[in-house]
Each structure stands twice: as C-alpha cells, then as structure tokens.
Amino acid sequence: MKDAYDGTLSITKALADYQACLIIVSTHIIEVGEALRDHKRIHFAFMPTVMDGLYPRYM
C-alpha cells in the first residue's frame, strides 16, 4: 500500500498545478486525502454508492 499511496499522492500533487481545467481523481486511499487536506487547489467531494440489488447506483 505504501507504493500506491506515494504514487497517488505524487500524481495528485502534480495534477493540482494545472490551471483552467478540472481533473477528477478517484481513490480509496483515504490517507492521500488527509495528506492533501490543506492544499489550496484541491477540492474534496464524495459520491455515495447505494447497491440496488446487484448493481451500484450513484447518488
């Protein structure tokens, strides 16, 4: 997990330098969000998932 953490953190920091665009990064590595919490150019959001039988439904 340490390698995935480092990679996700590095890539997300680099992408945050781009201006005039929207980049969406999705990860299950919660620690990356904690490390980037105070970054001024990163906005955090979540998309809840509800299972509808065997299929995920996004709210």
Foldseek 3Di string as FASTA:
>chain_A
DVVVLVVVLVVVVVVLPDPPDDDDDDDPPVVSCVVCVPPPSDDDDDWDWDDDDPDIDTD
